[in-house]
PDB file of all heavy atoms in Angstrom:
ATOM      1  N   ALA A   1    -190.822 -93.720 -24.771  1.00  0.00           N
ATOM      2  CA  ALA A   1    -190.604 -95.143 -24.671  1.00  0.00           C
ATOM      3  C   ALA A   1    -189.583 -95.633 -25.727  1.00  0.00           C
ATOM      4  O   ALA A   1    -188.679 -96.495 -25.450  1.00  0.00           O
ATOM      5  CB  ALA A   1    -191.922 -95.861 -24.797  1.00  0.00           C
ATOM      6  N   ALA A   2    -189.712 -95.096 -26.967  1.00  0.00           N
ATOM      7  CA  ALA A   2    -188.717 -95.488 -27.962  1.00  0.00           C
ATOM      8  C   ALA A   2    -187.331 -95.046 -27.589  1.00  0.00           C
ATOM      9  O   ALA A   2    -186.320 -95.760 -27.796  1.00  0.00           O
ATOM     10  CB  ALA A   2    -189.175 -94.941 -29.309  1.00  0.00           C
ATOM     11  N   TRP A   3    -187.240 -93.818 -27.061  1.00  0.00           N
ATOM     12  CA  TRP A   3    -185.965 -93.269 -26.606  1.00  0.00           C
ATOM     13  C   TRP A   3    -185.437 -94.129 -25.488  1.00  0.00           C
ATOM     14  O   TRP A   3    -184.243 -94.461 -25.442  1.00  0.00           O
ATOM     15  CB  TRP A   3    -186.167 -91.815 -26.172  1.00  0.00           C
ATOM     16  CG  TRP A   3    -184.963 -91.119 -25.660  1.00  0.00           C
ATOM     17  CD1 TRP A   3    -184.088 -90.389 -26.417  1.00  0.00           C
ATOM     18  CD2 TRP A   3    -184.466 -91.080 -24.340  1.00  0.00           C
ATOM     19  NE1 TRP A   3    -183.117 -89.854 -25.616  1.00  0.00           N
ATOM     20  CE2 TRP A   3    -183.330 -90.301 -24.350  1.00  0.00           C
ATOM     21  CE3 TRP A   3    -184.948 -91.574 -23.136  1.00  0.00           C
ATOM     22  CZ2 TRP A   3    -182.592 -89.947 -23.154  1.00  0.00           C
ATOM     23  CZ3 TRP A   3    -184.203 -91.292 -21.962  1.00  0.00           C
ATOM     24  CH2 TRP A   3    -183.062 -90.500 -21.981  1.00  0.00           C
ATOM     25  N   THR A   4    -186.224 -94.535 -24.526  1.00  0.00           N
ATOM     26  CA  THR A   4    -185.787 -95.350 -23.365  1.00  0.00           C
ATOM     27  C   THR A   4    -185.333 -96.705 -23.821  1.00  0.00           C
ATOM     28  O   THR A   4    -184.310 -97.242 -23.363  1.00  0.00           O
ATOM     29  CB  THR A   4    -186.961 -95.468 -22.342  1.00  0.00           C
ATOM     30  OG1 THR A   4    -187.297 -94.165 -21.971  1.00  0.00           O
ATOM     31  CG2 THR A   4    -186.449 -96.232 -21.124  1.00  0.00           C
ATOM     32  N   ALA A   5    -186.009 -97.304 -24.791  1.00  0.00           N
ATOM     33  CA  ALA A   5    -185.594 -98.614 -25.277  1.00  0.00           C
ATOM     34  C   ALA A   5    -184.193 -98.526 -25.892  1.00  0.00           C
ATOM     35  O   ALA A   5    -183.389 -99.479 -25.692  1.00  0.00           O
ATOM     36  CB  ALA A   5    -186.616 -99.121 -26.361  1.00  0.00           C
ATOM     37  N   GLU A   6    -183.914 -97.495 -26.629  1.00  0.00           N
ATOM     38  CA  GLU A   6    -182.558 -97.291 -27.215  1.00  0.00           C
ATOM     39  C   GLU A   6    -181.583 -97.113 -26.096  1.00  0.00           C
ATOM     40  O   GLU A   6    -180.412 -97.619 -26.176  1.00  0.00           O
ATOM     41  CB  GLU A   6    -182.549 -96.192 -28.216  1.00  0.00           C
ATOM     42  CG  GLU A   6    -181.297 -96.112 -29.033  1.00  0.00           C
ATOM     43  CD  GLU A   6    -181.351 -95.168 -30.211  1.00  0.00           C
ATOM     44  OE1 GLU A   6    -182.420 -95.258 -30.892  1.00  0.00           O
ATOM     45  OE2 GLU A   6    -180.364 -94.446 -30.468  1.00  0.00           O
ATOM     46  N   LEU A   7    -181.927 -96.333 -25.099  1.00  0.00           N
ATOM     47  CA  LEU A   7    -181.015 -96.104 -23.963  1.00  0.00           C
ATOM     48  C   LEU A   7    -180.688 -97.443 -23.272  1.00  0.00           C
ATOM     49  O   LEU A   7    -179.526 -97.710 -22.919  1.00  0.00           O
ATOM     50  CB  LEU A   7    -181.613 -95.117 -22.992  1.00  0.00           C
ATOM     51  CG  LEU A   7    -180.797 -94.854 -21.717  1.00  0.00           C
ATOM     52  CD1 LEU A   7    -179.495 -94.135 -22.040  1.00  0.00           C
ATOM     53  CD2 LEU A   7    -181.628 -94.023 -20.744  1.00  0.00           C
ATOM     54  N   LEU A   8    -181.707 -98.243 -23.047  1.00  0.00           N
ATOM     55  CA  LEU A   8    -181.506 -99.527 -22.369  1.00  0.00           C
ATOM     56  C   LEU A   8    -180.535-100.405 -23.208  1.00  0.00           C
ATOM     57  O   LEU A   8    -179.683-101.164 -22.663  1.00  0.00           O
ATOM     58  CB  LEU A   8    -182.804-100.250 -22.153  1.00  0.00           C
ATOM     59  CG  LEU A   8    -183.756 -99.709 -21.169  1.00  0.00           C
ATOM     60  CD1 LEU A   8    -185.102-100.421 -21.181  1.00  0.00           C
ATOM     61  CD2 LEU A   8    -183.197 -99.722 -19.759  1.00  0.00           C
ATOM     62  N   ALA A   9    -180.691-100.365 -24.544  1.00  0.00           N
ATOM     63  CA  ALA A   9    -179.871-101.151 -25.387  1.00  0.00           C
ATOM     64  C   ALA A   9    -178.371-100.731 -25.285  1.00  0.00           C
ATOM     65  O   ALA A   9    -177.436-101.590 -25.383  1.00  0.00           O
ATOM     66  CB  ALA A   9    -180.279-101.062 -26.872  1.00  0.00           C
ATOM     67  N   ALA A  10    -178.168 -99.455 -25.013  1.00  0.00           N
ATOM     68  CA  ALA A  10    -176.783 -98.981 -24.872  1.00  0.00           C
ATOM     69  C   ALA A  10    -176.220 -99.315 -23.450  1.00  0.00           C
ATOM     70  O   ALA A  10    -175.043 -99.653 -23.331  1.00  0.00           O
ATOM     71  CB  ALA A  10    -176.740 -97.490 -25.088  1.00  0.00           C
ATOM     72  N   VAL A  11    -177.064 -99.198 -22.454  1.00  0.00           N
ATOM     73  CA  VAL A  11    -176.637 -99.414 -21.073  1.00  0.00           C
ATOM     74  C   VAL A  11    -176.440-100.849 -20.763  1.00  0.00           C
ATOM     75  O   VAL A  11    -175.497-101.235 -20.087  1.00  0.00           O
ATOM     76  CB  VAL A  11    -177.681 -98.776 -20.116  1.00  0.00           C
ATOM     77  CG1 VAL A  11    -177.312 -99.168 -18.616  1.00  0.00           C
ATOM     78  CG2 VAL A  11    -177.635 -97.278 -20.239  1.00  0.00           C
ATOM     79  N   ALA A  12    -177.316-101.675 -21.258  1.00  0.00           N
ATOM     80  CA  ALA A  12    -177.315-103.153 -20.969  1.00  0.00           C
ATOM     81  C   ALA A  12    -177.770-103.872 -22.177  1.00  0.00           C
ATOM     82  O   ALA A  12    -178.905-104.357 -22.237  1.00  0.00           O
ATOM     83  CB  ALA A  12    -178.120-103.415 -19.774  1.00  0.00           C
ATOM     84  N   PRO A  13    -176.915-104.048 -23.155  1.00  0.00           N
ATOM     85  CA  PRO A  13    -177.324-104.755 -24.439  1.00  0.00           C
ATOM     86  C   PRO A  13    -177.791-106.174 -24.216  1.00  0.00           C
ATOM     87  O   PRO A  13    -178.579-106.701 -25.028  1.00  0.00           O
ATOM     88  CB  PRO A  13    -176.093-104.666 -25.302  1.00  0.00           C
ATOM     89  CG  PRO A  13    -174.928-104.404 -24.382  1.00  0.00           C
ATOM     90  CD  PRO A  13    -175.514-103.637 -23.248  1.00  0.00           C
ATOM     91  N   GLU A  14    -177.414-106.838 -23.171  1.00  0.00           N
ATOM     92  CA  GLU A  14    -177.828-108.182 -22.880  1.00  0.00           C
ATOM     93  C   GLU A  14    -179.119-108.273 -22.101  1.00  0.00           C
ATOM     94  O   GLU A  14    -179.636-109.343 -21.779  1.00  0.00           O
ATOM     95  CB  GLU A  14    -176.735-108.960 -22.091  1.00  0.00           C
ATOM     96  CG  GLU A  14    -175.375-108.999 -22.817  1.00  0.00           C
ATOM     97  CD  GLU A  14    -175.451-109.704 -24.202  1.00  0.00           C
ATOM     98  OE1 GLU A  14    -176.247-110.656 -24.306  1.00  0.00           O
ATOM     99  OE2 GLU A  14    -174.888-109.227 -25.108  1.00  0.00           O
ATOM    100  N   GLY A  15    -179.689-107.133 -21.744  1.00  0.00           N
ATOM    101  CA  GLY A  15    -180.912-107.099 -21.011  1.00  0.00           C
ATOM    102  C   GLY A  15    -180.837-107.272 -19.492  1.00  0.00           C
ATOM    103  O   GLY A  15    -181.819-107.424 -18.837  1.00  0.00           O
ATOM    104  N   ASP A  16    -179.607-107.310 -19.001  1.00  0.00           N
ATOM    105  CA  ASP A  16    -179.389-107.492 -17.517  1.00  0.00           C
ATOM    106  C   ASP A  16    -179.529-106.194 -16.793  1.00  0.00           C
ATOM    107  O   ASP A  16    -178.527-105.548 -16.404  1.00  0.00           O
ATOM    108  CB  ASP A  16    -178.019-108.178 -17.247  1.00  0.00           C
ATOM    109  CG  ASP A  16    -177.874-108.551 -15.770  1.00  0.00           C
ATOM    110  OD1 ASP A  16    -178.885-108.634 -15.105  1.00  0.00           O
ATOM    111  OD2 ASP A  16    -176.705-108.731 -15.347  1.00  0.00           O
ATOM    112  N   VAL A  17    -180.768-105.674 -16.791  1.00  0.00           N
ATOM    113  CA  VAL A  17    -180.977-104.362 -16.220  1.00  0.00           C
ATOM    114  C   VAL A  17    -182.369-104.319 -15.653  1.00  0.00           C
ATOM    115  O   VAL A  17    -183.272-105.062 -16.012  1.00  0.00           O
ATOM    116  CB  VAL A  17    -180.819-103.242 -17.350  1.00  0.00           C
ATOM    117  CG1 VAL A  17    -181.880-103.447 -18.418  1.00  0.00           C
ATOM    118  CG2 VAL A  17    -180.887-101.889 -16.742  1.00  0.00           C
ATOM    119  N   VAL A  18    -182.528-103.480 -14.629  1.00  0.00           N
ATOM    120  CA  VAL A  18    -183.825-103.219 -13.962  1.00  0.00           C
ATOM    121  C   VAL A  18    -184.199-101.776 -14.384  1.00  0.00           C
ATOM    122  O   VAL A  18    -183.391-100.871 -14.304  1.00  0.00           O
ATOM    123  CB  VAL A  18    -183.772-103.376 -12.471  1.00  0.00           C
ATOM    124  CG1 VAL A  18    -185.120-102.871 -11.869  1.00  0.00           C
ATOM    125  CG2 VAL A  18    -183.506-104.790 -12.025  1.00  0.00           C
ATOM    126  N   LEU A  19    -185.440-101.664 -14.876  1.00  0.00           N
ATOM    127  CA  LEU A  19    -185.923-100.343 -15.245  1.00  0.00           C
ATOM    128  C   LEU A  19    -186.838 -99.838 -14.178  1.00  0.00           C
ATOM    129  O   LEU A  19    -187.744-100.514 -13.666  1.00  0.00           O
ATOM    130  CB  LEU A  19    -186.683-100.441 -16.614  1.00  0.00           C
ATOM    131  CG  LEU A  19    -187.259 -99.128 -17.130  1.00  0.00           C
ATOM    132  CD1 LEU A  19    -186.252 -98.053 -17.396  1.00  0.00           C
ATOM    133  CD2 LEU A  19    -188.085 -99.395 -18.384  1.00  0.00           C
ATOM    134  N   ALA A  20    -186.683 -98.558 -13.791  1.00  0.00           N
ATOM    135  CA  ALA A  20    -187.535 -97.923 -12.769  1.00  0.00           C
ATOM    136  C   ALA A  20    -188.008 -96.572 -13.241  1.00  0.00           C
ATOM    137  O   ALA A  20    -187.415 -95.944 -14.135  1.00  0.00           O
ATOM    138  CB  ALA A  20    -186.711 -97.784 -11.475  1.00  0.00           C
ATOM    139  N   GLY A  21    -189.097 -96.177 -12.680  1.00  0.00           N
ATOM    140  CA  GLY A  21    -189.645 -94.812 -13.027  1.00  0.00           C
ATOM    141  C   GLY A  21    -190.507 -94.287 -11.908  1.00  0.00           C
ATOM    142  O   GLY A  21    -191.218 -95.082 -11.186  1.00  0.00           O
ATOM    143  N   HIS A  22    -190.499 -92.974 -11.728  1.00  0.00           N
ATOM    144  CA  HIS A  22    -191.282 -92.289 -10.719  1.00  0.00           C
ATOM    145  C   HIS A  22    -192.279 -91.446 -11.423  1.00  0.00           C
ATOM    146  O   HIS A  22    -192.037 -90.722 -12.396  1.00  0.00           O
ATOM    147  CB  HIS A  22    -190.389 -91.414  -9.823  1.00  0.00           C
ATOM    148  CG  HIS A  22    -191.250 -90.524  -8.935  1.00  0.00           C
ATOM    149  ND1 HIS A  22    -191.482 -89.156  -9.194  1.00  0.00           N
ATOM    150  CD2 HIS A  22    -191.969 -90.773  -7.767  1.00  0.00           C
ATOM    151  CE1 HIS A  22    -192.209 -88.664  -8.219  1.00  0.00           C
ATOM    152  NE2 HIS A  22    -192.549 -89.627  -7.396  1.00  0.00           N
ATOM    153  N   SER A  23    -193.569 -91.558 -11.018  1.00  0.00           N
ATOM    154  CA  SER A  23    -194.659 -90.728 -11.552  1.00  0.00           C
ATOM    155  C   SER A  23    -194.770 -90.804 -13.008  1.00  0.00           C
ATOM    156  O   SER A  23    -194.977 -91.861 -13.588  1.00  0.00           O
ATOM    157  CB  SER A  23    -194.470 -89.261 -11.070  1.00  0.00           C
ATOM    158  OG  SER A  23    -195.565 -88.466 -11.262  1.00  0.00           O
ATOM    159  N   PHE A  24    -194.618 -89.755 -13.801  1.00  0.00           N
ATOM    160  CA  PHE A  24    -194.663 -89.800 -15.249  1.00  0.00           C
ATOM    161  C   PHE A  24    -193.654 -90.764 -15.800  1.00  0.00           C
ATOM    162  O   PHE A  24    -193.886 -91.461 -16.771  1.00  0.00           O
ATOM    163  CB  PHE A  24    -194.469 -88.396 -15.864  1.00  0.00           C
ATOM    164  CG  PHE A  24    -194.398 -88.437 -17.342  1.00  0.00           C
ATOM    165  CD1 PHE A  24    -195.525 -88.908 -18.094  1.00  0.00           C
ATOM    166  CD2 PHE A  24    -193.313 -87.984 -18.084  1.00  0.00           C
ATOM    167  CE1 PHE A  24    -195.526 -88.893 -19.486  1.00  0.00           C
ATOM    168  CE2 PHE A  24    -193.341 -87.963 -19.473  1.00  0.00           C
ATOM    169  CZ  PHE A  24    -194.456 -88.438 -20.158  1.00  0.00           C
ATOM    170  N   GLY A  25    -192.478 -90.892 -15.088  1.00  0.00           N
ATOM    171  CA  GLY A  25    -191.542 -91.866 -15.473  1.00  0.00           C
ATOM    172  C   GLY A  25    -192.032 -93.292 -15.345  1.00  0.00           C
ATOM    173  O   GLY A  25    -191.574 -94.176 -16.098  1.00  0.00           O
ATOM    174  N   SER A  26    -193.017 -93.514 -14.507  1.00  0.00           N
ATOM    175  CA  SER A  26    -193.590 -94.865 -14.364  1.00  0.00           C
ATOM    176  C   SER A  26    -194.372 -95.204 -15.591  1.00  0.00           C
ATOM    177  O   SER A  26    -194.431 -96.388 -16.033  1.00  0.00           O
ATOM    178  CB  SER A  26    -194.479 -94.954 -13.148  1.00  0.00           C
ATOM    179  OG  SER A  26    -195.709 -94.260 -13.292  1.00  0.00           O
ATOM    180  N   ILE A  27    -195.082 -94.219 -16.218  1.00  0.00           N
ATOM    181  CA  ILE A  27    -195.823 -94.472 -17.445  1.00  0.00           C
ATOM    182  C   ILE A  27    -194.861 -94.791 -18.575  1.00  0.00           C
ATOM    183  O   ILE A  27    -195.068 -95.748 -19.313  1.00  0.00           O
ATOM    184  CB  ILE A  27    -196.680 -93.235 -17.820  1.00  0.00           C
ATOM    185  CG1 ILE A  27    -197.650 -92.880 -16.673  1.00  0.00           C
ATOM    186  CG2 ILE A  27    -197.411 -93.515 -19.088  1.00  0.00           C
ATOM    187  CD1 ILE A  27    -198.457 -91.582 -16.928  1.00  0.00           C
ATOM    188  N   VAL A  28    -193.792 -94.004 -18.673  1.00  0.00           N
ATOM    189  CA  VAL A  28    -192.814 -94.228 -19.754  1.00  0.00           C
ATOM    190  C   VAL A  28    -192.147 -95.607 -19.553  1.00  0.00           C
ATOM    191  O   VAL A  28    -191.995 -96.345 -20.554  1.00  0.00           O
ATOM    192  CB  VAL A  28    -191.753 -93.096 -19.742  1.00  0.00           C
ATOM    193  CG1 VAL A  28    -190.685 -93.456 -20.777  1.00  0.00           C
ATOM    194  CG2 VAL A  28    -192.449 -91.776 -20.042  1.00  0.00           C
ATOM    195  N   ALA A  29    -191.780 -95.962 -18.354  1.00  0.00           N
ATOM    196  CA  ALA A  29    -191.118 -97.211 -18.070  1.00  0.00           C
ATOM    197  C   ALA A  29    -192.115 -98.409 -18.460  1.00  0.00           C
ATOM    198  O   ALA A  29    -191.665 -99.373 -19.099  1.00  0.00           O
ATOM    199  CB  ALA A  29    -190.719 -97.326 -16.622  1.00  0.00           C
ATOM    200  N   ALA A  30    -193.337 -98.282 -18.057  1.00  0.00           N
ATOM    201  CA  ALA A  30    -194.340 -99.333 -18.375  1.00  0.00           C
ATOM    202  C   ALA A  30    -194.518 -99.447 -19.919  1.00  0.00           C
ATOM    203  O   ALA A  30    -194.582-100.576 -20.419  1.00  0.00           O
ATOM    204  CB  ALA A  30    -195.679 -99.016 -17.713  1.00  0.00           C
ATOM    205  N   ALA A  31    -194.664 -98.293 -20.593  1.00  0.00           N
ATOM    206  CA  ALA A  31    -194.787 -98.357 -21.994  1.00  0.00           C
ATOM    207  C   ALA A  31    -193.582 -98.960 -22.731  1.00  0.00           C
ATOM    208  O   ALA A  31    -193.704 -99.629 -23.746  1.00  0.00           O
ATOM    209  CB  ALA A  31    -195.080 -96.947 -22.565  1.00  0.00           C
ATOM    210  N   THR A  32    -192.378 -98.690 -22.172  1.00  0.00           N
ATOM    211  CA  THR A  32    -191.140 -99.206 -22.761  1.00  0.00           C
ATOM    212  C   THR A  32    -191.116-100.767 -22.784  1.00  0.00           C
ATOM    213  O   THR A  32    -190.657-101.343 -23.760  1.00  0.00           O
ATOM    214  CB  THR A  32    -189.974 -98.633 -22.001  1.00  0.00           C
ATOM    215  OG1 THR A  32    -189.982 -97.253 -22.002  1.00  0.00           O
ATOM    216  CG2 THR A  32    -188.623 -99.161 -22.601  1.00  0.00           C
ATOM    217  N   VAL A  33    -191.490-101.340 -21.713  1.00  0.00           N
ATOM    218  CA  VAL A  33    -191.453-102.825 -21.580  1.00  0.00           C
ATOM    219  C   VAL A  33    -192.687-103.564 -21.980  1.00  0.00           C
ATOM    220  O   VAL A  33    -192.706-104.782 -22.023  1.00  0.00           O
ATOM    221  CB  VAL A  33    -190.981-103.257 -20.207  1.00  0.00           C
ATOM    222  CG1 VAL A  33    -189.684-102.543 -19.761  1.00  0.00           C
ATOM    223  CG2 VAL A  33    -192.062-102.913 -19.172  1.00  0.00           C
ATOM    224  N   ALA A  34    -193.736-102.867 -22.293  1.00  0.00           N
ATOM    225  CA  ALA A  34    -195.004-103.505 -22.689  1.00  0.00           C
ATOM    226  C   ALA A  34    -194.877-104.184 -24.044  1.00  0.00           C
ATOM    227  O   ALA A  34    -194.239-103.567 -24.949  1.00  0.00           O
ATOM    228  CB  ALA A  34    -196.185-102.527 -22.690  1.00  0.00           C
ATOM    229  N   ALA A  35    -195.391-105.340 -24.243  1.00  0.00           N
ATOM    230  CA  ALA A  35    -195.288-105.999 -25.483  1.00  0.00           C
ATOM    231  C   ALA A  35    -196.101-105.247 -26.501  1.00  0.00           C
ATOM    232  O   ALA A  35    -197.177-104.666 -26.231  1.00  0.00           O
ATOM    233  CB  ALA A  35    -195.919-107.450 -25.372  1.00  0.00           C
ATOM    234  N   PRO A  36    -195.636-105.152 -27.748  1.00  0.00           N
ATOM    235  CA  PRO A  36    -196.338-104.363 -28.779  1.00  0.00           C
ATOM    236  C   PRO A  36    -197.628-104.996 -29.151  1.00  0.00           C
ATOM    237  O   PRO A  36    -197.869-106.214 -29.023  1.00  0.00           O
ATOM    238  CB  PRO A  36    -195.335-104.376 -29.977  1.00  0.00           C
ATOM    239  CG  PRO A  36    -194.503-105.586 -29.765  1.00  0.00           C
ATOM    240  CD  PRO A  36    -194.409-105.754 -28.251  1.00  0.00           C
ATOM    241  N   VAL A  37    -198.535-104.195 -29.652  1.00  0.00           N
ATOM    242  CA  VAL A  37    -199.851-104.633 -30.120  1.00  0.00           C
ATOM    243  C   VAL A  37    -199.776-104.885 -31.622  1.00  0.00           C
ATOM    244  O   VAL A  37    -199.360-103.961 -32.372  1.00  0.00           O
ATOM    245  CB  VAL A  37    -200.934-103.633 -29.786  1.00  0.00           C
ATOM    246  CG1 VAL A  37    -202.278-104.090 -30.319  1.00  0.00           C
ATOM    247  CG2 VAL A  37    -201.035-103.486 -28.260  1.00  0.00           C
ATOM    248  N   GLY A  38    -200.132-106.005 -32.075  1.00  0.00           N
ATOM    249  CA  GLY A  38    -200.213-106.280 -33.540  1.00  0.00           C
ATOM    250  C   GLY A  38    -198.866-106.635 -34.054  1.00  0.00           C
ATOM    251  O   GLY A  38    -197.948-106.944 -33.304  1.00  0.00           O
ATOM    252  N   THR A  39    -198.707-106.587 -35.375  1.00  0.00           N
ATOM    253  CA  THR A  39    -197.443-106.883 -36.059  1.00  0.00           C
ATOM    254  C   THR A  39    -197.194-105.865 -37.127  1.00  0.00           C
ATOM    255  O   THR A  39    -198.104-105.129 -37.537  1.00  0.00           O
ATOM    256  CB  THR A  39    -197.526-108.301 -36.717  1.00  0.00           C
ATOM    257  OG1 THR A  39    -198.534-108.341 -37.644  1.00  0.00           O
ATOM    258  CG2 THR A  39    -197.694-109.336 -35.627  1.00  0.00           C
ATOM    259  N   GLY A  40    -195.959-105.896 -37.630  1.00  0.00           N
ATOM    260  CA  GLY A  40    -195.589-104.954 -38.708  1.00  0.00           C
ATOM    261  C   GLY A  40    -194.243-104.366 -38.546  1.00  0.00           C
ATOM    262  O   GLY A  40    -193.720-104.363 -37.461  1.00  0.00           O
ATOM    263  N   PRO A  41    -193.699-103.843 -39.615  1.00  0.00           N
ATOM    264  CA  PRO A  41    -192.366-103.317 -39.589  1.00  0.00           C
ATOM    265  C   PRO A  41    -192.157-102.099 -38.664  1.00  0.00           C
ATOM    266  O   PRO A  41    -191.055-101.767 -38.245  1.00  0.00           O
ATOM    267  CB  PRO A  41    -192.002-102.947 -41.068  1.00  0.00           C
ATOM    268  CG  PRO A  41    -193.381-102.750 -41.665  1.00  0.00           C
ATOM    269  CD  PRO A  41    -194.285-103.740 -40.957  1.00  0.00           C
ATOM    270  N   GLY A  42    -193.259-101.349 -38.395  1.00  0.00           N
ATOM    271  CA  GLY A  42    -193.091-100.181 -37.607  1.00  0.00           C
ATOM    272  C   GLY A  42    -193.150-100.379 -36.084  1.00  0.00           C
ATOM    273  O   GLY A  42    -192.946 -99.479 -35.320  1.00  0.00           O
ATOM    274  N   LEU A  43    -193.328-101.663 -35.682  1.00  0.00           N
ATOM    275  CA  LEU A  43    -193.474-101.931 -34.252  1.00  0.00           C
ATOM    276  C   LEU A  43    -192.075-102.235 -33.669  1.00  0.00           C
ATOM    277  O   LEU A  43    -191.267-102.912 -34.291  1.00  0.00           O
ATOM    278  CB  LEU A  43    -194.380-103.183 -34.039  1.00  0.00           C
ATOM    279  CG  LEU A  43    -195.885-102.946 -34.231  1.00  0.00           C
ATOM    280  CD1 LEU A  43    -196.641-104.255 -34.115  1.00  0.00           C
ATOM    281  CD2 LEU A  43    -196.437-101.861 -33.388  1.00  0.00           C
ATOM    282  N   ARG A  44    -191.896-101.704 -32.459  1.00  0.00           N
ATOM    283  CA  ARG A  44    -190.651-101.925 -31.766  1.00  0.00           C
ATOM    284  C   ARG A  44    -190.823-103.063 -30.765  1.00  0.00           C
ATOM    285  O   ARG A  44    -191.735-103.038 -29.953  1.00  0.00           O
ATOM    286  CB  ARG A  44    -190.253-100.644 -31.035  1.00  0.00           C
ATOM    287  CG  ARG A  44    -189.130-100.848 -30.020  1.00  0.00           C
ATOM    288  CD  ARG A  44    -188.953 -99.543 -29.168  1.00  0.00           C
ATOM    289  NE  ARG A  44    -190.115 -99.106 -28.422  1.00  0.00           N
ATOM    290  CZ  ARG A  44    -190.518 -99.591 -27.342  1.00  0.00           C
ATOM    291  NH1 ARG A  44    -189.896-100.587 -26.784  1.00  0.00           N
ATOM    292  NH2 ARG A  44    -191.639 -99.155 -26.797  1.00  0.00           N
ATOM    293  N   PRO A  45    -189.942-104.044 -30.783  1.00  0.00           N
ATOM    294  CA  PRO A  45    -190.089-105.172 -29.833  1.00  0.00           C
ATOM    295  C   PRO A  45    -189.830-104.596 -28.419  1.00  0.00           C
ATOM    296  O   PRO A  45    -188.992-103.686 -28.218  1.00  0.00           O
ATOM    297  CB  PRO A  45    -189.079-106.152 -30.212  1.00  0.00           C
ATOM    298  CG  PRO A  45    -188.075-105.383 -31.044  1.00  0.00           C
ATOM    299  CD  PRO A  45    -188.840-104.300 -31.692  1.00  0.00           C
TER     300      PRO A  45
END
C-alpha cells in the first residue's frame, strides 16, 4: 500500500486518477486509499 501510494503520486500528483485492483490487488488498493487509524508521524495520509 505504501508503494502504491508513492506510485499514485508519480502517475497523478493532483489525485485525478482511478485506482483498481483484482483479487489480492483489491486488498492492496483498498488499503492504499483507506484513511489511516490514529495520528502520528509514522502514519501515511
